[in-house]
C-alpha atoms as a PDB file:
ATOM      1  CA  UNK A   1      33.397   6.158 -16.841  1.00  0.00           C
ATOM      2  CA  UNK A   2      33.438   2.691 -14.086  1.00  0.00           C
ATOM      3  CA  UNK A   3      32.759  -0.793 -13.446  1.00  0.00           C
ATOM      4  CA  UNK A   4      32.132  -2.452 -10.328  1.00  0.00           C
ATOM      5  CA  UNK A   5      30.275  -6.203  -9.482  1.00  0.00           C
ATOM      6  CA  UNK A   6      26.713  -5.813  -8.708  1.00  0.00           C
ATOM      7  CA  UNK A   7      24.707  -8.536  -6.209  1.00  0.00           C
ATOM      8  CA  UNK A   8      21.233  -8.822  -5.903  1.00  0.00           C
ATOM      9  CA  UNK A   9      20.095 -11.222  -3.061  1.00  0.00           C
ATOM     10  CA  UNK A  10      16.870 -13.363  -2.715  1.00  0.00           C
ATOM     11  CA  UNK A  11      15.640 -13.846   0.504  1.00  0.00           C
ATOM     12  CA  UNK A  12      11.991 -16.454   1.903  1.00  0.00           C
ATOM     13  CA  UNK A  13      11.251 -13.520   4.469  1.00  0.00           C
ATOM     14  CA  UNK A  14       9.233 -14.489   7.618  1.00  0.00           C
ATOM     15  CA  UNK A  15       7.327 -12.408  10.122  1.00  0.00           C
ATOM     16  CA  UNK A  16      10.321 -13.046  12.345  1.00  0.00           C
ATOM     17  CA  UNK A  17      12.512 -10.215  12.212  1.00  0.00           C
ATOM     18  CA  UNK A  18      15.159 -11.459  13.890  1.00  0.00           C
ATOM     19  CA  UNK A  19      15.953 -14.502  11.403  1.00  0.00           C
ATOM     20  CA  UNK A  20      15.337 -12.956   8.347  1.00  0.00           C
ATOM     21  CA  UNK A  21      18.036 -10.041   8.858  1.00  0.00           C
ATOM     22  CA  UNK A  22      20.426 -12.817  10.080  1.00  0.00           C
ATOM     23  CA  UNK A  23      19.639 -14.137   6.201  1.00  0.00           C
ATOM     24  CA  UNK A  24      20.147 -10.990   5.325  1.00  0.00           C
ATOM     25  CA  UNK A  25      23.935 -10.065   6.470  1.00  0.00           C
ATOM     26  CA  UNK A  26      25.273 -13.705   5.964  1.00  0.00           C
ATOM     27  CA  UNK A  27      24.126 -13.002   2.198  1.00  0.00           C
ATOM     28  CA  UNK A  28      25.413  -9.709   2.657  1.00  0.00           C
ATOM     29  CA  UNK A  29      28.808 -11.135   3.038  1.00  0.00           C
ATOM     30  CA  UNK A  30      28.651 -13.283   1.144  1.00  0.00           C
ATOM     31  CA  UNK A  31      28.555 -10.798  -1.884  1.00  0.00           C
ATOM     32  CA  UNK A  32      30.915  -8.630  -0.168  1.00  0.00           C
ATOM     33  CA  UNK A  33      33.534 -11.324  -0.074  1.00  0.00           C
ATOM     34  CA  UNK A  34      33.303 -12.250  -3.796  1.00  0.00           C
ATOM     35  CA  UNK A  35      33.977  -8.771  -4.615  1.00  0.00           C
ATOM     36  CA  UNK A  36      30.039  -6.662  -4.339  1.00  0.00           C
ATOM     37  CA  UNK A  37      30.177  -3.185  -4.586  1.00  0.00           C
ATOM     38  CA  UNK A  38      26.660  -3.162  -4.500  1.00  0.00           C
ATOM     39  CA  UNK A  39      24.073  -4.586  -2.977  1.00  0.00           C
ATOM     40  CA  UNK A  40      20.682  -5.062  -3.106  1.00  0.00           C
ATOM     41  CA  UNK A  41      18.063  -6.855  -0.595  1.00  0.00           C
ATOM     42  CA  UNK A  42      14.374  -7.291  -2.105  1.00  0.00           C
ATOM     43  CA  UNK A  43      11.816  -5.699  -0.917  1.00  0.00           C
ATOM     44  CA  UNK A  44      10.549  -7.187   2.440  1.00  0.00           C
ATOM     45  CA  UNK A  45      13.899  -8.065   3.565  1.00  0.00           C
ATOM     46  CA  UNK A  46      12.866  -7.724   7.651  1.00  0.00           C
ATOM     47  CA  UNK A  47       9.473  -8.946   7.575  1.00  0.00           C
ATOM     48  CA  UNK A  48       6.856 -10.621   5.284  1.00  0.00           C
ATOM     49  CA  UNK A  49       3.594 -11.478   7.077  1.00  0.00           C
ATOM     50  CA  UNK A  50       0.352 -11.020   8.601  1.00  0.00           C
ATOM     51  CA  UNK A  51      -0.808  -6.763   7.579  1.00  0.00           C
ATOM     52  CA  UNK A  52      -1.934  -6.090  11.769  1.00  0.00           C
ATOM     53  CA  UNK A  53       1.370  -7.489  12.561  1.00  0.00           C
ATOM     54  CA  UNK A  54       3.148  -5.690  10.270  1.00  0.00           C
ATOM     55  CA  UNK A  55       1.582  -2.304  11.055  1.00  0.00           C
ATOM     56  CA  UNK A  56       2.055  -2.752  14.967  1.00  0.00           C
ATOM     57  CA  UNK A  57       5.841  -3.619  14.133  1.00  0.00           C
ATOM     58  CA  UNK A  58       6.185  -0.983  12.396  1.00  0.00           C
ATOM     59  CA  UNK A  59       7.811   1.491  14.445  1.00  0.00           C
ATOM     60  CA  UNK A  60      10.442  -0.849  16.091  1.00  0.00           C
ATOM     61  CA  UNK A  61      11.041  -2.006  12.413  1.00  0.00           C
ATOM     62  CA  UNK A  62      11.585   1.207  10.837  1.00  0.00           C
ATOM     63  CA  UNK A  63      14.360   2.305  13.079  1.00  0.00           C
ATOM     64  CA  UNK A  64      16.063  -1.369  13.116  1.00  0.00           C
ATOM     65  CA  UNK A  65      15.920  -1.446   9.779  1.00  0.00           C
ATOM     66  CA  UNK A  66      17.794   1.823   8.843  1.00  0.00           C
ATOM     67  CA  UNK A  67      20.234   1.313  11.879  1.00  0.00           C
ATOM     68  CA  UNK A  68      20.812  -2.556  10.190  1.00  0.00           C
ATOM     69  CA  UNK A  69      21.137  -0.692   6.790  1.00  0.00           C
ATOM     70  CA  UNK A  70      23.917   2.240   7.631  1.00  0.00           C
ATOM     71  CA  UNK A  71      25.479  -0.791   9.838  1.00  0.00           C
ATOM     72  CA  UNK A  72      26.004  -3.513   7.017  1.00  0.00           C
ATOM     73  CA  UNK A  73      26.813  -0.668   4.373  1.00  0.00           C
ATOM     74  CA  UNK A  74      29.682   0.512   6.934  1.00  0.00           C
ATOM     75  CA  UNK A  75      30.836  -3.021   8.400  1.00  0.00           C
ATOM     76  CA  UNK A  76      31.045  -4.633   5.036  1.00  0.00           C
ATOM     77  CA  UNK A  77      31.999  -1.521   2.623  1.00  0.00           C
ATOM     78  CA  UNK A  78      29.314  -1.948   0.061  1.00  0.00           C
ATOM     79  CA  UNK A  79      26.575   0.636  -1.407  1.00  0.00           C
ATOM     80  CA  UNK A  80      23.360  -1.049   0.655  1.00  0.00           C
ATOM     81  CA  UNK A  81      19.733  -1.212  -0.724  1.00  0.00           C
ATOM     82  CA  UNK A  82      17.383  -2.506   1.697  1.00  0.00           C
ATOM     83  CA  UNK A  83      14.345  -2.597  -0.887  1.00  0.00           C
ATOM     84  CA  UNK A  84      11.391  -2.446   1.361  1.00  0.00           C
ATOM     85  CA  UNK A  85      10.466  -2.132   4.963  1.00  0.00           C
ATOM     86  CA  UNK A  86       7.338  -0.913   6.772  1.00  0.00           C
ATOM     87  CA  UNK A  87       7.560   2.838   8.396  1.00  0.00           C
ATOM     88  CA  UNK A  88       4.395   4.579  10.346  1.00  0.00           C
ATOM     89  CA  UNK A  89       2.204   6.305   8.025  1.00  0.00           C
ATOM     90  CA  UNK A  90      -1.110   7.198  10.384  1.00  0.00           C
ATOM     91  CA  UNK A  91      -3.529   4.756  11.830  1.00  0.00           C
ATOM     92  CA  UNK A  92      -3.199   1.464  10.782  1.00  0.00           C
ATOM     93  CA  UNK A  93      -1.030   2.406   7.958  1.00  0.00           C
ATOM     94  CA  UNK A  94       3.030   1.717   6.926  1.00  0.00           C
ATOM     95  CA  UNK A  95       4.648   3.294   4.072  1.00  0.00           C
ATOM     96  CA  UNK A  96       6.988   0.714   1.723  1.00  0.00           C
ATOM     97  CA  UNK A  97      10.845   2.506   1.828  1.00  0.00           C
ATOM     98  CA  UNK A  98      14.016   1.925   0.325  1.00  0.00           C
ATOM     99  CA  UNK A  99      16.815   3.724   1.486  1.00  0.00           C
ATOM    100  CA  UNK A 100      20.199   3.639  -0.583  1.00  0.00           C
ATOM    101  CA  UNK A 101      23.041   3.365   1.889  1.00  0.00           C
ATOM    102  CA  UNK A 102      26.348   4.118   1.397  1.00  0.00           C
ATOM    103  CA  UNK A 103      29.924   2.545   2.055  1.00  0.00           C
ATOM    104  CA  UNK A 104      30.306   5.275   4.919  1.00  0.00           C
ATOM    105  CA  UNK A 105      26.532   4.214   6.216  1.00  0.00           C
ATOM    106  CA  UNK A 106      25.367   7.620   4.962  1.00  0.00           C
ATOM    107  CA  UNK A 107      21.916   7.683   2.935  1.00  0.00           C
ATOM    108  CA  UNK A 108      22.103   8.630  -0.168  1.00  0.00           C
ATOM    109  CA  UNK A 109      18.026   8.030  -1.760  1.00  0.00           C
ATOM    110  CA  UNK A 110      14.866   7.448   0.398  1.00  0.00           C
ATOM    111  CA  UNK A 111      11.513   5.949  -1.797  1.00  0.00           C
ATOM    112  CA  UNK A 112       8.031   5.651  -0.660  1.00  0.00           C
ATOM    113  CA  UNK A 113       6.575   3.032  -3.335  1.00  0.00           C
ATOM    114  CA  UNK A 114       3.681   5.308  -5.078  1.00  0.00           C
ATOM    115  CA  UNK A 115       1.853   2.125  -6.926  1.00  0.00           C
ATOM    116  CA  UNK A 116       0.679  -0.249  -4.314  1.00  0.00           C
ATOM    117  CA  UNK A 117      -0.539  -4.132  -5.801  1.00  0.00           C
ATOM    118  CA  UNK A 118      -4.043  -3.852  -5.853  1.00  0.00           C
ATOM    119  CA  UNK A 119      -5.006  -6.856  -7.785  1.00  0.00           C
ATOM    120  CA  UNK A 120      -7.288 -10.029  -7.888  1.00  0.00           C
ATOM    121  CA  UNK A 121      -5.270 -13.241  -9.520  1.00  0.00           C
ATOM    122  CA  UNK A 122      -6.755 -16.988  -9.460  1.00  0.00           C
ATOM    123  CA  UNK A 123      -4.001 -17.958  -6.935  1.00  0.00           C
ATOM    124  CA  UNK A 124      -6.406 -17.880  -4.374  1.00  0.00           C
ATOM    125  CA  UNK A 125      -4.930 -14.931  -2.306  1.00  0.00           C
ATOM    126  CA  UNK A 126      -6.484 -11.514  -2.311  1.00  0.00           C
ATOM    127  CA  UNK A 127      -3.801  -8.592  -2.789  1.00  0.00           C
ATOM    128  CA  UNK A 128      -4.912  -5.220  -1.282  1.00  0.00           C
ATOM    129  CA  UNK A 129      -1.897  -3.426  -0.554  1.00  0.00           C
ATOM    130  CA  UNK A 130      -3.991   0.126   0.105  1.00  0.00           C
ATOM    131  CA  UNK A 131      -5.525  -1.377   2.683  1.00  0.00           C
ATOM    132  CA  UNK A 132      -2.478  -0.865   4.738  1.00  0.00           C
ATOM    133  CA  UNK A 133       0.068   0.875   2.800  1.00  0.00           C
ATOM    134  CA  UNK A 134       0.224   4.952   2.147  1.00  0.00           C
ATOM    135  CA  UNK A 135       1.802   5.567  -0.940  1.00  0.00           C
ATOM    136  CA  UNK A 136       4.164   7.452  -1.646  1.00  0.00           C
ATOM    137  CA  UNK A 137       3.885  11.668  -2.661  1.00  0.00           C
ATOM    138  CA  UNK A 138       7.267  12.306  -4.874  1.00  0.00           C
ATOM    139  CA  UNK A 139       8.704  11.243  -7.587  1.00  0.00           C
ATOM    140  CA  UNK A 140      11.783   8.359  -6.829  1.00  0.00           C
ATOM    141  CA  UNK A 141      15.012   9.678  -6.783  1.00  0.00           C
ATOM    142  CA  UNK A 142      18.037   9.266  -8.843  1.00  0.00           C
ATOM    143  CA  UNK A 143      21.275   9.402  -7.031  1.00  0.00           C
ATOM    144  CA  UNK A 144      24.919   9.329  -8.720  1.00  0.00           C
ATOM    145  CA  UNK A 145      27.157   7.434  -6.448  1.00  0.00           C
ATOM    146  CA  UNK A 146      30.409   8.401  -6.198  1.00  0.00           C
ATOM    147  CA  UNK A 147      32.715   4.732  -7.983  1.00  0.00           C
ATOM    148  CA  UNK A 148      29.714   3.193  -8.618  1.00  0.00           C
ATOM    149  CA  UNK A 149      26.989   5.268 -11.230  1.00  0.00           C
ATOM    150  CA  UNK A 150      23.700   7.099 -11.452  1.00  0.00           C
ATOM    151  CA  UNK A 151      21.376   5.177  -9.532  1.00  0.00           C
ATOM    152  CA  UNK A 152      17.739   4.841  -9.680  1.00  0.00           C
ATOM    153  CA  UNK A 153      15.070   3.517  -7.136  1.00  0.00           C
ATOM    154  CA  UNK A 154      12.120   1.517  -7.559  1.00  0.00           C
ATOM    155  CA  UNK A 155       9.672  -1.295  -6.412  1.00  0.00           C
ATOM    156  CA  UNK A 156       7.943  -3.930  -7.304  1.00  0.00           C
ATOM    157  CA  UNK A 157       5.103  -3.253  -8.912  1.00  0.00           C
ATOM    158  CA  UNK A 158       6.017  -0.077 -10.367  1.00  0.00           C
ATOM    159  CA  UNK A 159       8.103  -2.517 -12.983  1.00  0.00           C
ATOM    160  CA  UNK A 160       4.676  -2.000 -14.752  1.00  0.00           C
ATOM    161  CA  UNK A 161       4.601   1.621 -15.169  1.00  0.00           C
ATOM    162  CA  UNK A 162       7.013   2.379 -17.437  1.00  0.00           C
ATOM    163  CA  UNK A 163       6.401   6.226 -16.980  1.00  0.00           C
ATOM    164  CA  UNK A 164       8.315   6.115 -13.479  1.00  0.00           C
ATOM    165  CA  UNK A 165      11.717   4.268 -15.593  1.00  0.00           C
ATOM    166  CA  UNK A 166      11.258   6.836 -18.368  1.00  0.00           C
ATOM    167  CA  UNK A 167      11.576   9.173 -15.365  1.00  0.00           C
ATOM    168  CA  UNK A 168      14.409   7.968 -13.878  1.00  0.00           C
ATOM    169  CA  UNK A 169      16.450   7.340 -17.661  1.00  0.00           C
ATOM    170  CA  UNK A 170      15.564  11.193 -17.924  1.00  0.00           C
ATOM    171  CA  UNK A 171      16.921  12.024 -14.784  1.00  0.00           C
ATOM    172  CA  UNK A 172      20.479  10.523 -16.032  1.00  0.00           C
ATOM    173  CA  UNK A 173      19.890   6.816 -14.299  1.00  0.00           C
ATOM    174  CA  UNK A 174      22.224   4.613 -15.290  1.00  0.00           C
ATOM    175  CA  UNK A 175      21.308   1.684 -13.747  1.00  0.00           C
ATOM    176  CA  UNK A 176      17.870   0.894 -12.247  1.00  0.00           C
ATOM    177  CA  UNK A 177      17.169  -0.854  -8.863  1.00  0.00           C
ATOM    178  CA  UNK A 178      13.879  -2.970  -8.676  1.00  0.00           C
ATOM    179  CA  UNK A 179      13.606  -4.888  -5.591  1.00  0.00           C
ATOM    180  CA  UNK A 180      10.396  -6.989  -5.322  1.00  0.00           C
ATOM    181  CA  UNK A 181       8.609  -9.387  -3.542  1.00  0.00           C
ATOM    182  CA  UNK A 182       7.238 -10.893  -6.919  1.00  0.00           C
ATOM    183  CA  UNK A 183       4.247 -13.041  -6.562  1.00  0.00           C
ATOM    184  CA  UNK A 184       4.424 -16.570  -8.334  1.00  0.00           C
ATOM    185  CA  UNK A 185       1.479 -16.493 -10.600  1.00  0.00           C
ATOM    186  CA  UNK A 186       2.779 -13.542 -11.883  1.00  0.00           C
ATOM    187  CA  UNK A 187       6.400 -13.733 -11.853  1.00  0.00           C
ATOM    188  CA  UNK A 188       6.489 -16.657 -14.393  1.00  0.00           C
ATOM    189  CA  UNK A 189       4.728 -14.829 -17.216  1.00  0.00           C
ATOM    190  CA  UNK A 190       5.979 -11.225 -16.757  1.00  0.00           C
ATOM    191  CA  UNK A 191       8.970 -11.419 -14.018  1.00  0.00           C
ATOM    192  CA  UNK A 192      11.564 -11.015 -16.567  1.00  0.00           C
ATOM    193  CA  UNK A 193      10.409  -9.861 -19.942  1.00  0.00           C
ATOM    194  CA  UNK A 194       8.773  -6.294 -17.882  1.00  0.00           C
ATOM    195  CA  UNK A 195      12.726  -6.308 -16.334  1.00  0.00           C
ATOM    196  CA  UNK A 196      13.956  -6.410 -19.775  1.00  0.00           C
ATOM    197  CA  UNK A 197      11.852  -4.024 -21.642  1.00  0.00           C
ATOM    198  CA  UNK A 198      12.330  -1.660 -18.479  1.00  0.00           C
ATOM    199  CA  UNK A 199      16.400  -1.790 -19.553  1.00  0.00           C
ATOM    200  CA  UNK A 200      16.372  -2.154 -23.647  1.00  0.00           C
ATOM    201  CA  UNK A 201      13.873   0.930 -23.530  1.00  0.00           C
ATOM    202  CA  UNK A 202      15.651   3.281 -21.092  1.00  0.00           C
ATOM    203  CA  UNK A 203      19.329   1.844 -22.236  1.00  0.00           C
ATOM    204  CA  UNK A 204      20.045   0.752 -18.438  1.00  0.00           C
ATOM    205  CA  UNK A 205      21.249  -2.029 -16.708  1.00  0.00           C
ATOM    206  CA  UNK A 206      18.406  -3.080 -14.210  1.00  0.00           C
ATOM    207  CA  UNK A 207      19.699  -4.783 -10.939  1.00  0.00           C
ATOM    208  CA  UNK A 208      16.402  -6.857  -9.536  1.00  0.00           C
ATOM    209  CA  UNK A 209      16.655  -8.440  -5.873  1.00  0.00           C
ATOM    210  CA  UNK A 210      14.136 -10.559  -5.185  1.00  0.00           C
ATOM    211  CA  UNK A 211      11.767 -12.932  -2.619  1.00  0.00           C
ATOM    212  CA  UNK A 212      11.850 -16.481  -3.454  1.00  0.00           C
ATOM    213  CA  UNK A 213       9.432 -19.506  -2.269  1.00  0.00           C
ATOM    214  CA  UNK A 214       6.637 -19.954   0.637  1.00  0.00           C
ATOM    215  CA  UNK A 215       6.324 -17.348   3.477  1.00  0.00           C
ATOM    216  CA  UNK A 216       3.217 -17.218   5.414  1.00  0.00           C
ATOM    217  CA  UNK A 217      -0.535 -18.835   4.664  1.00  0.00           C
ATOM    218  CA  UNK A 218      -0.351 -19.376   1.027  1.00  0.00           C
ATOM    219  CA  UNK A 219       1.893 -16.284  -0.342  1.00  0.00           C
ATOM    220  CA  UNK A 220       4.461 -17.197  -2.713  1.00  0.00           C
ATOM    221  CA  UNK A 221       6.710 -15.576  -4.681  1.00  0.00           C
ATOM    222  CA  UNK A 222       8.725 -15.996  -7.575  1.00  0.00           C
ATOM    223  CA  UNK A 223      12.292 -15.817  -7.131  1.00  0.00           C
ATOM    224  CA  UNK A 224      14.653 -15.081 -10.104  1.00  0.00           C
ATOM    225  CA  UNK A 225      16.222 -12.019  -8.831  1.00  0.00           C
ATOM    226  CA  UNK A 226      18.148 -10.517 -11.937  1.00  0.00           C
ATOM    227  CA  UNK A 227      20.584  -8.312 -13.539  1.00  0.00           C
ATOM    228  CA  UNK A 228      20.427  -7.178 -16.516  1.00  0.00           C
ATOM    229  CA  UNK A 229      22.015  -5.359 -19.082  1.00  0.00           C
ATOM    230  CA  UNK A 230      21.206  -2.177 -21.014  1.00  0.00           C
ATOM    231  CA  UNK A 231      20.755  -4.244 -24.229  1.00  0.00           C
ATOM    232  CA  UNK A 232      18.200  -6.511 -22.381  1.00  0.00           C
ATOM    233  CA  UNK A 233      20.570  -9.433 -21.930  1.00  0.00           C
ATOM    234  CA  UNK A 234      20.483 -11.792 -18.521  1.00  0.00           C
ATOM    235  CA  UNK A 235      23.783 -11.948 -17.068  1.00  0.00           C
ATOM    236  CA  UNK A 236      22.564 -13.324 -13.736  1.00  0.00           C
ATOM    237  CA  UNK A 237      19.757 -15.035 -12.668  1.00  0.00           C
ATOM    238  CA  UNK A 238      19.369 -16.324  -8.904  1.00  0.00           C
ATOM    239  CA  UNK A 239      17.191 -19.324  -9.874  1.00  0.00           C
ATOM    240  CA  UNK A 240      14.279 -20.234  -7.119  1.00  0.00           C
ATOM    241  CA  UNK A 241      16.477 -20.803  -3.955  1.00  0.00           C
ATOM    242  CA  UNK A 242      17.359 -18.467  -0.953  1.00  0.00           C
ATOM    243  CA  UNK A 243      21.319 -16.891  -2.398  1.00  0.00           C
ATOM    244  CA  UNK A 244      22.574 -13.614  -4.337  1.00  0.00           C
ATOM    245  CA  UNK A 245      23.202 -13.341  -7.992  1.00  0.00           C
ATOM    246  CA  UNK A 246      26.281 -11.008  -9.166  1.00  0.00           C
ATOM    247  CA  UNK A 247      27.623  -9.527 -12.886  1.00  0.00           C
ATOM    248  CA  UNK A 248      29.450  -6.434 -13.788  1.00  0.00           C
ATOM    249  CA  UNK A 249      28.002  -2.802 -14.179  1.00  0.00           C
ATOM    250  CA  UNK A 250      30.210  -0.853 -16.784  1.00  0.00           C
ATOM    251  CA  UNK A 251      29.242   2.550 -17.540  1.00  0.00           C
ATOM    252  CA  UNK A 252      31.119   2.638 -20.497  1.00  0.00           C
ATOM    253  CA  UNK A 253      29.390  -0.706 -21.951  1.00  0.00           C
ATOM    254  CA  UNK A 254      25.658   1.359 -21.504  1.00  0.00           C
ATOM    255  CA  UNK A 255      27.096   4.824 -22.922  1.00  0.00           C
ATOM    256  CA  UNK A 256      28.449   2.348 -26.092  1.00  0.00           C
ATOM    257  CA  UNK A 257      24.509   0.894 -26.254  1.00  0.00           C
ATOM    258  CA  UNK A 258      23.564   4.417 -26.281  1.00  0.00           C
ATOM    259  CA  UNK A 259      25.564   5.510 -29.061  1.00  0.00           C
ATOM    260  CA  UNK A 260      24.574   2.618 -30.876  1.00  0.00           C
ATOM    261  CA  UNK A 261      20.743   2.548 -29.988  1.00  0.00           C
ATOM    262  CA  UNK A 262      20.201   6.558 -29.069  1.00  0.00           C
ATOM    263  CA  UNK A 263      16.239   6.012 -28.669  1.00  0.00           C
ATOM    264  CA  UNK A 264      16.046   7.951 -25.804  1.00  0.00           C
ATOM    265  CA  UNK A 265      17.474  11.212 -27.713  1.00  0.00           C
ATOM    266  CA  UNK A 266      14.420  10.452 -30.473  1.00  0.00           C
ATOM    267  CA  UNK A 267      11.218  11.147 -27.939  1.00  0.00           C
ATOM    268  CA  UNK A 268       9.361  13.313 -29.597  1.00  0.00           C
ATOM    269  CA  UNK A 269       7.663  14.609 -25.928  1.00  0.00           C
ATOM    270  CA  UNK A 270       6.237  18.143 -27.414  1.00  0.00           C
ATOM    271  CA  UNK A 271       3.762  15.077 -29.153  1.00  0.00           C
ATOM    272  CA  UNK A 272       2.249  13.205 -26.266  1.00  0.00           C
END
């Protein structure tokens, strides 16, 4: 049983990694000063810009992001999720990788995004993530973090695939991390309800760091970084400005909800 504060950070990242990482550190420090023990950065926290520029920067940026997460976790004594950064994956391709780092700077878990956002929506921006991103080939991990809880990883578009979160719940996840750069157009209708659904159906906490605002060209994200409890209650909402939102995670509360609503025990996997 444990109880701790979790923080979901909200950024307006651009194509300037120096500025992005400086903004990220400012919020990590603020979250730590407010007592957060688990801190999540959103998808694309270090870079949001042109695909070819991302590919060119990826070799240096991948190393820099991993070092940044280690340094920040140690400096501020938090367990830290880097919600997605580019890692070289062959010619003209990168992975979209999340890393979870412990307070001593140790790598706890790593996940390469497996569901890629290839969608046509009427916001004037074409989305073809698969054109420059290599999907991961392994299921997302669950890691038992001492003093916190069992944490499962995912990234953004994954939230539309409930079977991924059922896998995480089956592997023991008590908290689901969903760092994102959700489009403004889809976010207004789908972001919160999808996250609440993943929390309710898996009776797990959800921590969802987010990008917000206008990034480059017409690329605009929804914001509203959220912390949601296993009943589906929104505990904290960051709104639309850069910043952070925080709420307590209480594993005893989660266990009470699972006892009251034992739907995970009532599954019939032999039939479907």
